[in-house]
């Protein structure tokens, strides 16, 4: 679940421009913002840019923050916008609205599944397994990746994800389902090949 604002951070002091309070805000929330940037964009340099621009924009806009969401949800909204802007700059051909225009249940049917229970748990949690999962996340369409990262990696709620991305909760649920099915299919293909290879070697 989303972390509550630490007691030592005063929203009133932040809005009033207290630099020490802002430094505490940065210390508290840099890690999740950096992690989101890294998972969205794939490089430490881009993640640093997202991190710096997020807190720069937060500093500028804090006086207008009305507290309708938590500070972290608000920061995620800024970070998500920064990450998506970087993607548009690097890949102008990417249309982040494609998913919203073609969401229906018929498109959600996966084509390949494997019974992962046949694999030992340490296989699923191995360095290789994590590498395959990270790669699968990276090739998720951007509009699905950001939803998956906020909901399933950062652990914020459907409502908070919707607030951060300015989407409806129904839209978030649909994109999340698409992302999970995509990842499951990618991992099924990998582990299916591993199981076939192991059976052939028995």
C-alpha atoms as a PDB file:
ATOM      1  CA  UNK A   1       0.000   0.000   0.000  1.00  0.00           C
ATOM      2  CA  UNK A   2       1.007   3.616  -0.444  1.00  0.00           C
ATOM      3  CA  UNK A   3       3.115   5.008   2.378  1.00  0.00           C
ATOM      4  CA  UNK A   4       1.551   7.637   4.557  1.00  0.00           C
ATOM      5  CA  UNK A   5       3.276  10.988   4.882  1.00  0.00           C
ATOM      6  CA  UNK A   6       5.800  10.847   7.733  1.00  0.00           C
ATOM      7  CA  UNK A   7       4.775  12.838  10.799  1.00  0.00           C
ATOM      8  CA  UNK A   8       7.926  14.982  10.616  1.00  0.00           C
ATOM      9  CA  UNK A   9       6.948  16.308   7.178  1.00  0.00           C
ATOM     10  CA  UNK A  10       4.601  19.251   7.460  1.00  0.00           C
ATOM     11  CA  UNK A  11       2.479  20.043   4.426  1.00  0.00           C
ATOM     12  CA  UNK A  12       2.028  23.588   5.701  1.00  0.00           C
ATOM     13  CA  UNK A  13       5.803  24.042   5.929  1.00  0.00           C
ATOM     14  CA  UNK A  14       6.240  22.614   2.423  1.00  0.00           C
ATOM     15  CA  UNK A  15       3.666  24.990   0.976  1.00  0.00           C
ATOM     16  CA  UNK A  16       5.321  27.871   2.840  1.00  0.00           C
ATOM     17  CA  UNK A  17       8.614  27.021   1.105  1.00  0.00           C
ATOM     18  CA  UNK A  18      10.540  25.525   4.029  1.00  0.00           C
ATOM     19  CA  UNK A  19      13.708  24.092   2.419  1.00  0.00           C
ATOM     20  CA  UNK A  20      14.492  21.700   5.265  1.00  0.00           C
ATOM     21  CA  UNK A  21      11.010  20.252   5.000  1.00  0.00           C
ATOM     22  CA  UNK A  22      11.399  19.884   1.253  1.00  0.00           C
ATOM     23  CA  UNK A  23      14.742  18.115   1.753  1.00  0.00           C
ATOM     24  CA  UNK A  24      12.971  15.620   4.018  1.00  0.00           C
ATOM     25  CA  UNK A  25      10.322  15.100   1.336  1.00  0.00           C
ATOM     26  CA  UNK A  26      13.046  14.358  -1.219  1.00  0.00           C
ATOM     27  CA  UNK A  27      14.799  11.943   1.159  1.00  0.00           C
ATOM     28  CA  UNK A  28      11.564  10.131   1.876  1.00  0.00           C
ATOM     29  CA  UNK A  29      10.299   9.688  -1.675  1.00  0.00           C
ATOM     30  CA  UNK A  30      13.345   9.680  -3.965  1.00  0.00           C
ATOM     31  CA  UNK A  31      13.625   5.885  -4.044  1.00  0.00           C
ATOM     32  CA  UNK A  32      10.126   5.057  -5.384  1.00  0.00           C
ATOM     33  CA  UNK A  33      10.262   7.928  -7.893  1.00  0.00           C
ATOM     34  CA  UNK A  34      13.698   6.860  -9.165  1.00  0.00           C
ATOM     35  CA  UNK A  35      12.571   3.220  -9.341  1.00  0.00           C
ATOM     36  CA  UNK A  36       9.514   4.191 -11.399  1.00  0.00           C
ATOM     37  CA  UNK A  37      11.676   6.211 -13.797  1.00  0.00           C
ATOM     38  CA  UNK A  38      14.169   3.371 -14.157  1.00  0.00           C
ATOM     39  CA  UNK A  39      11.485   0.755 -14.862  1.00  0.00           C
ATOM     40  CA  UNK A  40       9.685   3.035 -17.320  1.00  0.00           C
ATOM     41  CA  UNK A  41      12.733   4.226 -19.259  1.00  0.00           C
ATOM     42  CA  UNK A  42      15.365   1.574 -18.675  1.00  0.00           C
ATOM     43  CA  UNK A  43      18.445   3.734 -18.050  1.00  0.00           C
ATOM     44  CA  UNK A  44      19.843   5.334 -14.872  1.00  0.00           C
ATOM     45  CA  UNK A  45      20.384   8.651 -16.671  1.00  0.00           C
ATOM     46  CA  UNK A  46      16.743   8.897 -17.739  1.00  0.00           C
ATOM     47  CA  UNK A  47      15.632   7.840 -14.255  1.00  0.00           C
ATOM     48  CA  UNK A  48      17.780  10.631 -12.767  1.00  0.00           C
ATOM     49  CA  UNK A  49      16.158  13.112 -15.173  1.00  0.00           C
ATOM     50  CA  UNK A  50      12.699  11.960 -14.087  1.00  0.00           C
ATOM     51  CA  UNK A  51      13.711  12.222 -10.428  1.00  0.00           C
ATOM     52  CA  UNK A  52      15.170  15.727 -10.742  1.00  0.00           C
ATOM     53  CA  UNK A  53      12.316  17.057 -12.880  1.00  0.00           C
ATOM     54  CA  UNK A  54       9.710  15.555 -10.559  1.00  0.00           C
ATOM     55  CA  UNK A  55      11.021  17.344  -7.482  1.00  0.00           C
ATOM     56  CA  UNK A  56      11.717  20.541  -9.406  1.00  0.00           C
ATOM     57  CA  UNK A  57       8.100  20.609 -10.572  1.00  0.00           C
ATOM     58  CA  UNK A  58       6.926  19.677  -7.094  1.00  0.00           C
ATOM     59  CA  UNK A  59       8.816  22.626  -5.616  1.00  0.00           C
ATOM     60  CA  UNK A  60       7.270  24.980  -8.163  1.00  0.00           C
ATOM     61  CA  UNK A  61       3.709  23.706  -7.772  1.00  0.00           C
ATOM     62  CA  UNK A  62       3.560  22.905  -4.050  1.00  0.00           C
ATOM     63  CA  UNK A  63       1.802  26.200  -3.217  1.00  0.00           C
ATOM     64  CA  UNK A  64      -1.101  24.979  -5.405  1.00  0.00           C
ATOM     65  CA  UNK A  65      -1.224  21.479  -3.904  1.00  0.00           C
ATOM     66  CA  UNK A  66      -4.702  21.058  -2.396  1.00  0.00           C
ATOM     67  CA  UNK A  67      -4.168  17.744  -0.639  1.00  0.00           C
ATOM     68  CA  UNK A  68      -6.902  15.888  -2.539  1.00  0.00           C
ATOM     69  CA  UNK A  69      -4.483  12.982  -2.913  1.00  0.00           C
ATOM     70  CA  UNK A  70      -1.505  11.899  -0.842  1.00  0.00           C
ATOM     71  CA  UNK A  71       1.803  13.594  -1.503  1.00  0.00           C
ATOM     72  CA  UNK A  72       3.232  10.379  -2.926  1.00  0.00           C
ATOM     73  CA  UNK A  73       0.313   9.925  -5.349  1.00  0.00           C
ATOM     74  CA  UNK A  74       0.819  13.538  -6.426  1.00  0.00           C
ATOM     75  CA  UNK A  75       4.548  12.933  -6.929  1.00  0.00           C
ATOM     76  CA  UNK A  76       3.792   9.783  -8.922  1.00  0.00           C
ATOM     77  CA  UNK A  77       1.516  11.858 -11.166  1.00  0.00           C
ATOM     78  CA  UNK A  78       4.332  14.325 -11.840  1.00  0.00           C
ATOM     79  CA  UNK A  79       6.884  11.514 -12.336  1.00  0.00           C
ATOM     80  CA  UNK A  80       4.572   9.614 -14.689  1.00  0.00           C
ATOM     81  CA  UNK A  81       4.088  12.717 -16.817  1.00  0.00           C
ATOM     82  CA  UNK A  82       7.839  13.320 -16.878  1.00  0.00           C
ATOM     83  CA  UNK A  83       8.536   9.713 -17.907  1.00  0.00           C
ATOM     84  CA  UNK A  84       5.892   9.739 -20.635  1.00  0.00           C
ATOM     85  CA  UNK A  85       7.176  13.071 -21.973  1.00  0.00           C
ATOM     86  CA  UNK A  86      10.670  11.591 -22.228  1.00  0.00           C
ATOM     87  CA  UNK A  87       9.260   8.595 -24.084  1.00  0.00           C
ATOM     88  CA  UNK A  88       7.429  10.868 -26.528  1.00  0.00           C
ATOM     89  CA  UNK A  89      10.646  12.826 -27.069  1.00  0.00           C
ATOM     90  CA  UNK A  90      12.708   9.664 -27.693  1.00  0.00           C
ATOM     91  CA  UNK A  91       9.993   7.779 -29.593  1.00  0.00           C
ATOM     92  CA  UNK A  92       7.696  10.290 -31.297  1.00  0.00           C
ATOM     93  CA  UNK A  93       5.993   7.432 -33.148  1.00  0.00           C
ATOM     94  CA  UNK A  94       4.602   6.019 -29.882  1.00  0.00           C
ATOM     95  CA  UNK A  95       0.892   6.737 -29.450  1.00  0.00           C
ATOM     96  CA  UNK A  96       0.086   6.442 -25.759  1.00  0.00           C
ATOM     97  CA  UNK A  97      -3.646   6.631 -26.507  1.00  0.00           C
ATOM     98  CA  UNK A  98      -3.734   3.463 -28.631  1.00  0.00           C
ATOM     99  CA  UNK A  99      -4.774   1.240 -25.719  1.00  0.00           C
ATOM    100  CA  UNK A 100      -7.592   3.533 -24.636  1.00  0.00           C
ATOM    101  CA  UNK A 101      -9.011   3.426 -28.160  1.00  0.00           C
ATOM    102  CA  UNK A 102      -9.064  -0.363 -28.479  1.00  0.00           C
ATOM    103  CA  UNK A 103      -9.929  -1.817 -25.100  1.00  0.00           C
ATOM    104  CA  UNK A 104     -12.325  -4.741 -25.307  1.00  0.00           C
ATOM    105  CA  UNK A 105     -12.441  -8.167 -23.714  1.00  0.00           C
ATOM    106  CA  UNK A 106     -11.852 -10.001 -26.995  1.00  0.00           C
ATOM    107  CA  UNK A 107      -8.318  -8.606 -27.142  1.00  0.00           C
ATOM    108  CA  UNK A 108      -7.484  -9.880 -23.675  1.00  0.00           C
ATOM    109  CA  UNK A 109      -7.300 -13.589 -24.456  1.00  0.00           C
ATOM    110  CA  UNK A 110      -3.742 -14.917 -24.082  1.00  0.00           C
ATOM    111  CA  UNK A 111      -2.404 -17.439 -26.591  1.00  0.00           C
ATOM    112  CA  UNK A 112       0.173 -19.343 -24.569  1.00  0.00           C
ATOM    113  CA  UNK A 113       0.272 -20.592 -21.002  1.00  0.00           C
ATOM    114  CA  UNK A 114       2.522 -22.991 -19.158  1.00  0.00           C
ATOM    115  CA  UNK A 115       2.037 -24.618 -15.757  1.00  0.00           C
ATOM    116  CA  UNK A 116       4.694 -22.833 -13.697  1.00  0.00           C
ATOM    117  CA  UNK A 117       4.009 -25.130 -10.766  1.00  0.00           C
ATOM    118  CA  UNK A 118       6.205 -27.707 -12.535  1.00  0.00           C
ATOM    119  CA  UNK A 119       9.175 -25.434 -11.907  1.00  0.00           C
ATOM    120  CA  UNK A 120      10.927 -25.218  -8.538  1.00  0.00           C
ATOM    121  CA  UNK A 121      10.331 -21.934  -6.708  1.00  0.00           C
ATOM    122  CA  UNK A 122      14.012 -20.964  -6.812  1.00  0.00           C
ATOM    123  CA  UNK A 123      13.815 -21.186 -10.617  1.00  0.00           C
ATOM    124  CA  UNK A 124      11.071 -18.560 -10.693  1.00  0.00           C
ATOM    125  CA  UNK A 125      12.986 -16.323  -8.278  1.00  0.00           C
ATOM    126  CA  UNK A 126      16.406 -16.821  -9.850  1.00  0.00           C
ATOM    127  CA  UNK A 127      18.492 -14.025 -11.294  1.00  0.00           C
ATOM    128  CA  UNK A 128      17.654 -15.302 -14.759  1.00  0.00           C
ATOM    129  CA  UNK A 129      13.950 -15.366 -13.950  1.00  0.00           C
ATOM    130  CA  UNK A 130      14.054 -11.771 -12.693  1.00  0.00           C
ATOM    131  CA  UNK A 131      16.000 -10.714 -15.786  1.00  0.00           C
ATOM    132  CA  UNK A 132      13.342 -12.226 -18.038  1.00  0.00           C
ATOM    133  CA  UNK A 133      10.597 -10.483 -16.042  1.00  0.00           C
ATOM    134  CA  UNK A 134      12.410  -7.119 -16.223  1.00  0.00           C
ATOM    135  CA  UNK A 135      12.801  -7.534 -19.979  1.00  0.00           C
ATOM    136  CA  UNK A 136       9.115  -8.411 -20.345  1.00  0.00           C
ATOM    137  CA  UNK A 137       8.182  -5.270 -18.393  1.00  0.00           C
ATOM    138  CA  UNK A 138      10.425  -3.171 -20.655  1.00  0.00           C
ATOM    139  CA  UNK A 139       8.674  -4.385 -23.820  1.00  0.00           C
ATOM    140  CA  UNK A 140       5.210  -3.727 -22.420  1.00  0.00           C
ATOM    141  CA  UNK A 141       3.487  -0.921 -24.338  1.00  0.00           C
ATOM    142  CA  UNK A 142       4.163   2.295 -22.423  1.00  0.00           C
ATOM    143  CA  UNK A 143       0.515   2.943 -21.557  1.00  0.00           C
ATOM    144  CA  UNK A 144       0.297  -0.517 -19.964  1.00  0.00           C
ATOM    145  CA  UNK A 145       3.743  -0.416 -18.365  1.00  0.00           C
ATOM    146  CA  UNK A 146       3.075   2.709 -16.307  1.00  0.00           C
ATOM    147  CA  UNK A 147      -0.164   1.231 -14.919  1.00  0.00           C
ATOM    148  CA  UNK A 148       1.510  -2.090 -14.081  1.00  0.00           C
ATOM    149  CA  UNK A 149       4.443  -0.386 -12.373  1.00  0.00           C
ATOM    150  CA  UNK A 150       2.292   1.876 -10.205  1.00  0.00           C
ATOM    151  CA  UNK A 151      -0.213  -0.816  -9.222  1.00  0.00           C
ATOM    152  CA  UNK A 152       1.775  -4.062  -9.086  1.00  0.00           C
ATOM    153  CA  UNK A 153       5.353  -2.891  -8.484  1.00  0.00           C
ATOM    154  CA  UNK A 154       4.859   0.212  -6.332  1.00  0.00           C
ATOM    155  CA  UNK A 155       1.711  -1.242  -4.769  1.00  0.00           C
ATOM    156  CA  UNK A 156      -0.573   1.780  -4.871  1.00  0.00           C
ATOM    157  CA  UNK A 157      -4.312   1.216  -5.139  1.00  0.00           C
ATOM    158  CA  UNK A 158      -6.454   1.204  -8.291  1.00  0.00           C
ATOM    159  CA  UNK A 159      -7.937   4.555  -7.239  1.00  0.00           C
ATOM    160  CA  UNK A 160      -4.525   6.083  -6.532  1.00  0.00           C
ATOM    161  CA  UNK A 161      -3.216   4.793  -9.877  1.00  0.00           C
ATOM    162  CA  UNK A 162      -6.226   6.317 -11.624  1.00  0.00           C
ATOM    163  CA  UNK A 163      -5.642   9.620  -9.812  1.00  0.00           C
ATOM    164  CA  UNK A 164      -1.941   9.634 -10.664  1.00  0.00           C
ATOM    165  CA  UNK A 165      -2.563   8.971 -14.373  1.00  0.00           C
ATOM    166  CA  UNK A 166      -5.806  10.919 -14.749  1.00  0.00           C
ATOM    167  CA  UNK A 167      -7.653   7.778 -15.863  1.00  0.00           C
ATOM    168  CA  UNK A 168     -10.900   6.175 -14.780  1.00  0.00           C
ATOM    169  CA  UNK A 169     -10.647   3.218 -12.409  1.00  0.00           C
ATOM    170  CA  UNK A 170     -12.234   1.021 -15.088  1.00  0.00           C
ATOM    171  CA  UNK A 171      -9.559   2.087 -17.543  1.00  0.00           C
ATOM    172  CA  UNK A 172      -6.821   1.281 -15.031  1.00  0.00           C
ATOM    173  CA  UNK A 173      -8.306  -2.178 -14.412  1.00  0.00           C
ATOM    174  CA  UNK A 174      -8.451  -2.918 -18.137  1.00  0.00           C
ATOM    175  CA  UNK A 175      -4.891  -1.793 -18.745  1.00  0.00           C
ATOM    176  CA  UNK A 176      -3.679  -3.718 -15.709  1.00  0.00           C
ATOM    177  CA  UNK A 177      -5.356  -6.893 -16.966  1.00  0.00           C
ATOM    178  CA  UNK A 178      -3.751  -6.423 -20.381  1.00  0.00           C
ATOM    179  CA  UNK A 179      -0.345  -5.880 -18.802  1.00  0.00           C
ATOM    180  CA  UNK A 180      -0.617  -8.956 -16.575  1.00  0.00           C
ATOM    181  CA  UNK A 181      -1.731 -11.164 -19.469  1.00  0.00           C
ATOM    182  CA  UNK A 182       1.076  -9.846 -21.666  1.00  0.00           C
ATOM    183  CA  UNK A 183       3.681 -10.543 -18.971  1.00  0.00           C
ATOM    184  CA  UNK A 184       2.239 -13.957 -18.216  1.00  0.00           C
ATOM    185  CA  UNK A 185       2.415 -14.874 -21.891  1.00  0.00           C
ATOM    186  CA  UNK A 186       6.004 -13.653 -22.191  1.00  0.00           C
ATOM    187  CA  UNK A 187       7.067 -15.631 -19.136  1.00  0.00           C
ATOM    188  CA  UNK A 188       5.077 -18.682 -20.247  1.00  0.00           C
ATOM    189  CA  UNK A 189       6.988 -18.720 -23.529  1.00  0.00           C
ATOM    190  CA  UNK A 190      10.321 -18.580 -21.687  1.00  0.00           C
ATOM    191  CA  UNK A 191       9.516 -21.173 -19.039  1.00  0.00           C
ATOM    192  CA  UNK A 192       7.746 -23.385 -21.576  1.00  0.00           C
ATOM    193  CA  UNK A 193      10.979 -23.589 -23.562  1.00  0.00           C
ATOM    194  CA  UNK A 194      12.914 -24.328 -20.376  1.00  0.00           C
ATOM    195  CA  UNK A 195      10.564 -27.179 -19.446  1.00  0.00           C
ATOM    196  CA  UNK A 196      10.729 -28.689 -22.935  1.00  0.00           C
ATOM    197  CA  UNK A 197      14.528 -28.505 -22.844  1.00  0.00           C
ATOM    198  CA  UNK A 198      14.653 -30.143 -19.406  1.00  0.00           C
ATOM    199  CA  UNK A 199      12.273 -32.927 -20.502  1.00  0.00           C
ATOM    200  CA  UNK A 200      14.394 -33.630 -23.577  1.00  0.00           C
ATOM    201  CA  UNK A 201      17.500 -33.933 -21.406  1.00  0.00           C
ATOM    202  CA  UNK A 202      15.885 -36.361 -18.918  1.00  0.00           C
END
